[in-house]
Amino acid sequence: MNAPQEYHDKVLRQLNSIKAAAWVGAISLLVCTVATLAVSVFALKIFADRKSEILRPQYQRNLRDLLTDSKFDEVLKVAAQTKATNPGDAFAWYSSGLAYYNMKDWTNALHDLRQAQTLSPTWEKDYTGPYIKSIEGILSEQKTPSQPPPGN
């Protein structure tokens, strides 16, 4: 074989080696990309399932736990501290409204629940609205004078 042919064959072998290495690199990159996407999708699924709990500030979890445990005076204390530093915090108003509701302090419950609803209008249907409607019904019954029995 002549020298130019040998040189040509050697270059072709080197190019084929480079081509093979490029394919291995491309496949490795593809596998890593697919694995990264799979892990990301899995992590997003976990996050989506627990999003509200993960993102909820600690004081909100504390308020929820206090409400669940019927520690309404403590709820009012924590909510008052939060409202003092952040009067636009709808969750603090909602929590104090629920505490007052459970304590049957209808006037304060109505005030705080209305404030929560003003701050977060989307809460009306599922959160604040049912309580407000209930309180308004209770208060209207209290204002309606009882009718004396007929014949007196």
C-alpha atoms as a PDB file:
ATOM      1  CA  MET A   1       0.000   0.000   0.000  1.00  0.00           C
ATOM      2  CA  ASN A   2       1.232   3.408  -0.783  1.00  0.00           C
ATOM      3  CA  ALA A   3       1.750   6.161   1.767  1.00  0.00           C
ATOM      4  CA  PRO A   4      -1.132   8.397   0.644  1.00  0.00           C
ATOM      5  CA  GLN A   5      -3.572   5.479   0.856  1.00  0.00           C
ATOM      6  CA  GLU A   6      -2.305   4.503   4.316  1.00  0.00           C
ATOM      7  CA  TYR A   7      -2.647   8.098   5.460  1.00  0.00           C
ATOM      8  CA  HIS A   8      -6.159   8.257   4.022  1.00  0.00           C
ATOM      9  CA  ASP A   9      -7.161   4.996   5.789  1.00  0.00           C
ATOM     10  CA  LYS A  10      -5.692   6.234   9.075  1.00  0.00           C
ATOM     11  CA  VAL A  11      -7.645   9.501   8.837  1.00  0.00           C
ATOM     12  CA  LEU A  12     -10.855   7.580   8.075  1.00  0.00           C
ATOM     13  CA  ARG A  13     -10.300   5.340  11.122  1.00  0.00           C
ATOM     14  CA  GLN A  14      -9.740   8.385  13.307  1.00  0.00           C
ATOM     15  CA  LEU A  15     -12.860  10.066  11.900  1.00  0.00           C
ATOM     16  CA  ASN A  16     -14.891   6.907  12.534  1.00  0.00           C
ATOM     17  CA  SER A  17     -13.562   6.818  16.123  1.00  0.00           C
ATOM     18  CA  ILE A  18     -14.529  10.461  16.576  1.00  0.00           C
ATOM     19  CA  LYS A  19     -17.946   9.753  15.031  1.00  0.00           C
ATOM     20  CA  ALA A  20     -18.482   6.805  17.422  1.00  0.00           C
ATOM     21  CA  ALA A  21     -17.409   8.915  20.409  1.00  0.00           C
ATOM     22  CA  ALA A  22     -19.793  11.673  19.328  1.00  0.00           C
ATOM     23  CA  TRP A  23     -22.671   9.175  19.159  1.00  0.00           C
ATOM     24  CA  VAL A  24     -21.812   7.835  22.611  1.00  0.00           C
ATOM     25  CA  GLY A  25     -21.713  11.412  23.924  1.00  0.00           C
ATOM     26  CA  ALA A  26     -25.015  12.288  22.272  1.00  0.00           C
ATOM     27  CA  ILE A  27     -26.706   9.175  23.642  1.00  0.00           C
ATOM     28  CA  SER A  28     -25.289   9.852  27.120  1.00  0.00           C
ATOM     29  CA  LEU A  29     -26.561  13.413  26.960  1.00  0.00           C
ATOM     30  CA  LEU A  30     -29.987  12.196  25.852  1.00  0.00           C
ATOM     31  CA  VAL A  31     -30.153   9.649  28.690  1.00  0.00           C
ATOM     32  CA  CYS A  32     -29.153  12.319  31.223  1.00  0.00           C
ATOM     33  CA  THR A  33     -31.753  14.725  29.840  1.00  0.00           C
ATOM     34  CA  VAL A  34     -34.508  12.122  30.008  1.00  0.00           C
ATOM     35  CA  ALA A  35     -33.485  11.172  33.556  1.00  0.00           C
ATOM     36  CA  THR A  36     -33.463  14.841  34.614  1.00  0.00           C
ATOM     37  CA  LEU A  37     -36.910  15.374  33.119  1.00  0.00           C
ATOM     38  CA  ALA A  38     -38.257  12.274  34.855  1.00  0.00           C
ATOM     39  CA  VAL A  39     -36.914  13.434  38.226  1.00  0.00           C
ATOM     40  CA  SER A  40     -38.275  16.940  37.616  1.00  0.00           C
ATOM     41  CA  VAL A  41     -41.740  15.632  36.763  1.00  0.00           C
ATOM     42  CA  PHE A  42     -41.699  13.435  39.853  1.00  0.00           C
ATOM     43  CA  ALA A  43     -40.602  16.361  42.047  1.00  0.00           C
ATOM     44  CA  LEU A  44     -43.302  18.608  40.550  1.00  0.00           C
ATOM     45  CA  LYS A  45     -45.919  15.937  41.241  1.00  0.00           C
ATOM     46  CA  ILE A  46     -44.844  15.737  44.879  1.00  0.00           C
ATOM     47  CA  PHE A  47     -44.776  19.529  45.142  1.00  0.00           C
ATOM     48  CA  ALA A  48     -48.217  19.871  43.536  1.00  0.00           C
ATOM     49  CA  ASP A  49     -49.677  17.325  45.960  1.00  0.00           C
ATOM     50  CA  ARG A  50     -48.259  19.136  48.997  1.00  0.00           C
ATOM     51  CA  LYS A  51     -48.036  22.691  47.645  1.00  0.00           C
ATOM     52  CA  SER A  52     -50.482  24.310  50.017  1.00  0.00           C
ATOM     53  CA  GLU A  53     -48.821  22.747  53.043  1.00  0.00           C
ATOM     54  CA  ILE A  54     -45.273  23.449  51.832  1.00  0.00           C
ATOM     55  CA  LEU A  55     -45.933  27.072  50.970  1.00  0.00           C
ATOM     56  CA  ARG A  56     -48.160  27.882  53.939  1.00  0.00           C
ATOM     57  CA  PRO A  57     -46.216  29.967  56.463  1.00  0.00           C
ATOM     58  CA  GLN A  58     -45.597  28.429  59.875  1.00  0.00           C
ATOM     59  CA  TYR A  59     -47.934  30.851  61.665  1.00  0.00           C
ATOM     60  CA  GLN A  60     -50.796  29.730  59.397  1.00  0.00           C
ATOM     61  CA  ARG A  61     -50.127  26.094  60.274  1.00  0.00           C
ATOM     62  CA  ASN A  62     -50.073  27.128  63.947  1.00  0.00           C
ATOM     63  CA  LEU A  63     -53.394  28.973  63.607  1.00  0.00           C
ATOM     64  CA  ARG A  64     -54.969  26.013  61.840  1.00  0.00           C
ATOM     65  CA  ASP A  65     -53.753  23.664  64.579  1.00  0.00           C
ATOM     66  CA  LEU A  66     -55.021  25.984  67.329  1.00  0.00           C
ATOM     67  CA  LEU A  67     -58.434  26.171  65.653  1.00  0.00           C
ATOM     68  CA  THR A  68     -58.521  22.392  65.337  1.00  0.00           C
ATOM     69  CA  ASP A  69     -57.673  22.090  69.039  1.00  0.00           C
ATOM     70  CA  SER A  70     -60.379  24.662  69.952  1.00  0.00           C
ATOM     71  CA  LYS A  71     -57.810  27.022  71.509  1.00  0.00           C
ATOM     72  CA  PHE A  72     -59.722  30.084  70.397  1.00  0.00           C
ATOM     73  CA  ASP A  73     -58.143  32.601  72.819  1.00  0.00           C
ATOM     74  CA  GLU A  74     -54.706  31.625  71.499  1.00  0.00           C
ATOM     75  CA  VAL A  75     -55.960  31.958  67.929  1.00  0.00           C
ATOM     76  CA  LEU A  76     -57.141  35.478  68.694  1.00  0.00           C
ATOM     77  CA  LYS A  77     -53.754  36.341  70.247  1.00  0.00           C
ATOM     78  CA  VAL A  78     -51.716  35.051  67.268  1.00  0.00           C
ATOM     79  CA  ALA A  79     -54.119  36.576  64.745  1.00  0.00           C
ATOM     80  CA  ALA A  80     -54.005  39.959  66.526  1.00  0.00           C
ATOM     81  CA  GLN A  81     -50.201  39.949  66.427  1.00  0.00           C
ATOM     82  CA  THR A  82     -50.245  39.113  62.719  1.00  0.00           C
ATOM     83  CA  LYS A  83     -52.897  41.737  61.910  1.00  0.00           C
ATOM     84  CA  ALA A  84     -50.885  44.354  63.819  1.00  0.00           C
ATOM     85  CA  THR A  85     -47.821  43.776  61.642  1.00  0.00           C
ATOM     86  CA  ASN A  86     -49.657  42.843  58.447  1.00  0.00           C
ATOM     87  CA  PRO A  87     -53.251  44.154  58.341  1.00  0.00           C
ATOM     88  CA  GLY A  88     -53.642  42.831  54.795  1.00  0.00           C
ATOM     89  CA  ASP A  89     -53.205  39.194  55.854  1.00  0.00           C
ATOM     90  CA  ALA A  90     -56.554  37.611  55.010  1.00  0.00           C
ATOM     91  CA  PHE A  91     -55.696  34.342  56.754  1.00  0.00           C
ATOM     92  CA  ALA A  92     -55.244  36.116  60.103  1.00  0.00           C
ATOM     93  CA  TRP A  93     -58.644  37.825  59.705  1.00  0.00           C
ATOM     94  CA  TYR A  94     -60.251  34.545  58.648  1.00  0.00           C
ATOM     95  CA  SER A  95     -58.749  32.677  61.601  1.00  0.00           C
ATOM     96  CA  SER A  96     -59.887  35.246  64.140  1.00  0.00           C
ATOM     97  CA  GLY A  97     -63.314  35.252  62.486  1.00  0.00           C
ATOM     98  CA  LEU A  98     -63.530  31.479  62.919  1.00  0.00           C
ATOM     99  CA  ALA A  99     -62.402  31.753  66.538  1.00  0.00           C
ATOM    100  CA  TYR A 100     -65.077  34.364  67.258  1.00  0.00           C
ATOM    101  CA  TYR A 101     -67.624  32.235  65.391  1.00  0.00           C
ATOM    102  CA  ASN A 102     -66.862  29.225  67.558  1.00  0.00           C
ATOM    103  CA  MET A 103     -67.057  31.446  70.643  1.00  0.00           C
ATOM    104  CA  LYS A 104     -70.461  32.664  69.404  1.00  0.00           C
ATOM    105  CA  ASP A 105     -69.244  36.277  69.327  1.00  0.00           C
ATOM    106  CA  TRP A 106     -71.255  36.976  66.197  1.00  0.00           C
ATOM    107  CA  THR A 107     -70.454  40.681  65.799  1.00  0.00           C
ATOM    108  CA  ASN A 108     -66.682  40.240  65.899  1.00  0.00           C
ATOM    109  CA  ALA A 109     -66.884  37.066  63.808  1.00  0.00           C
ATOM    110  CA  LEU A 110     -68.894  38.853  61.135  1.00  0.00           C
ATOM    111  CA  HIS A 111     -66.499  41.813  61.109  1.00  0.00           C
ATOM    112  CA  ASP A 112     -63.354  39.675  60.774  1.00  0.00           C
ATOM    113  CA  LEU A 113     -64.819  37.290  58.202  1.00  0.00           C
ATOM    114  CA  ARG A 114     -66.008  40.227  56.082  1.00  0.00           C
ATOM    115  CA  GLN A 115     -62.520  41.736  56.305  1.00  0.00           C
ATOM    116  CA  ALA A 116     -60.983  38.421  55.196  1.00  0.00           C
ATOM    117  CA  GLN A 117     -63.437  38.273  52.300  1.00  0.00           C
ATOM    118  CA  THR A 118     -62.609  41.841  51.290  1.00  0.00           C
ATOM    119  CA  LEU A 119     -58.906  40.985  51.258  1.00  0.00           C
ATOM    120  CA  SER A 120     -59.451  37.674  49.423  1.00  0.00           C
ATOM    121  CA  PRO A 121     -62.689  37.851  47.419  1.00  0.00           C
ATOM    122  CA  THR A 122     -62.141  34.370  45.956  1.00  0.00           C
ATOM    123  CA  TRP A 123     -62.689  32.922  49.428  1.00  0.00           C
ATOM    124  CA  GLU A 124     -66.363  33.940  49.451  1.00  0.00           C
ATOM    125  CA  LYS A 125     -67.836  30.770  47.978  1.00  0.00           C
ATOM    126  CA  ASP A 126     -65.926  28.147  49.935  1.00  0.00           C
ATOM    127  CA  TYR A 127     -64.593  29.861  53.048  1.00  0.00           C
ATOM    128  CA  THR A 128     -65.975  33.160  54.267  1.00  0.00           C
ATOM    129  CA  GLY A 129     -69.377  33.197  52.555  1.00  0.00           C
ATOM    130  CA  PRO A 130     -70.993  30.252  54.364  1.00  0.00           C
ATOM    131  CA  TYR A 131     -69.975  31.615  57.770  1.00  0.00           C
ATOM    132  CA  ILE A 132     -71.107  35.145  56.939  1.00  0.00           C
ATOM    133  CA  LYS A 133     -74.461  33.845  55.736  1.00  0.00           C
ATOM    134  CA  SER A 134     -74.863  31.768  58.897  1.00  0.00           C
ATOM    135  CA  ILE A 135     -74.033  34.712  61.172  1.00  0.00           C
ATOM    136  CA  GLU A 136     -76.366  37.051  59.289  1.00  0.00           C
ATOM    137  CA  GLY A 137     -79.148  34.495  59.771  1.00  0.00           C
ATOM    138  CA  ILE A 138     -78.433  34.220  63.489  1.00  0.00           C
ATOM    139  CA  LEU A 139     -78.309  37.987  63.925  1.00  0.00           C
ATOM    140  CA  SER A 140     -81.539  38.513  61.968  1.00  0.00           C
ATOM    141  CA  GLU A 141     -83.296  35.957  64.184  1.00  0.00           C
ATOM    142  CA  GLN A 142     -82.038  37.778  67.262  1.00  0.00           C
ATOM    143  CA  LYS A 143     -83.402  41.119  65.973  1.00  0.00           C
ATOM    144  CA  THR A 144     -86.822  39.724  65.095  1.00  0.00           C
ATOM    145  CA  PRO A 145     -89.054  40.215  68.131  1.00  0.00           C
ATOM    146  CA  SER A 146     -90.725  37.040  69.175  1.00  0.00           C
ATOM    147  CA  GLN A 147     -94.442  37.047  68.485  1.00  0.00           C
ATOM    148  CA  PRO A 148     -96.723  36.609  71.514  1.00  0.00           C
ATOM    149  CA  PRO A 149     -98.937  33.547  71.307  1.00  0.00           C
ATOM    150  CA  PRO A 150    -102.276  34.251  69.620  1.00  0.00           C
ATOM    151  CA  GLY A 151    -105.160  35.161  71.899  1.00  0.00           C
ATOM    152  CA  ASN A 152    -103.177  37.098  74.523  1.00  0.00           C
END
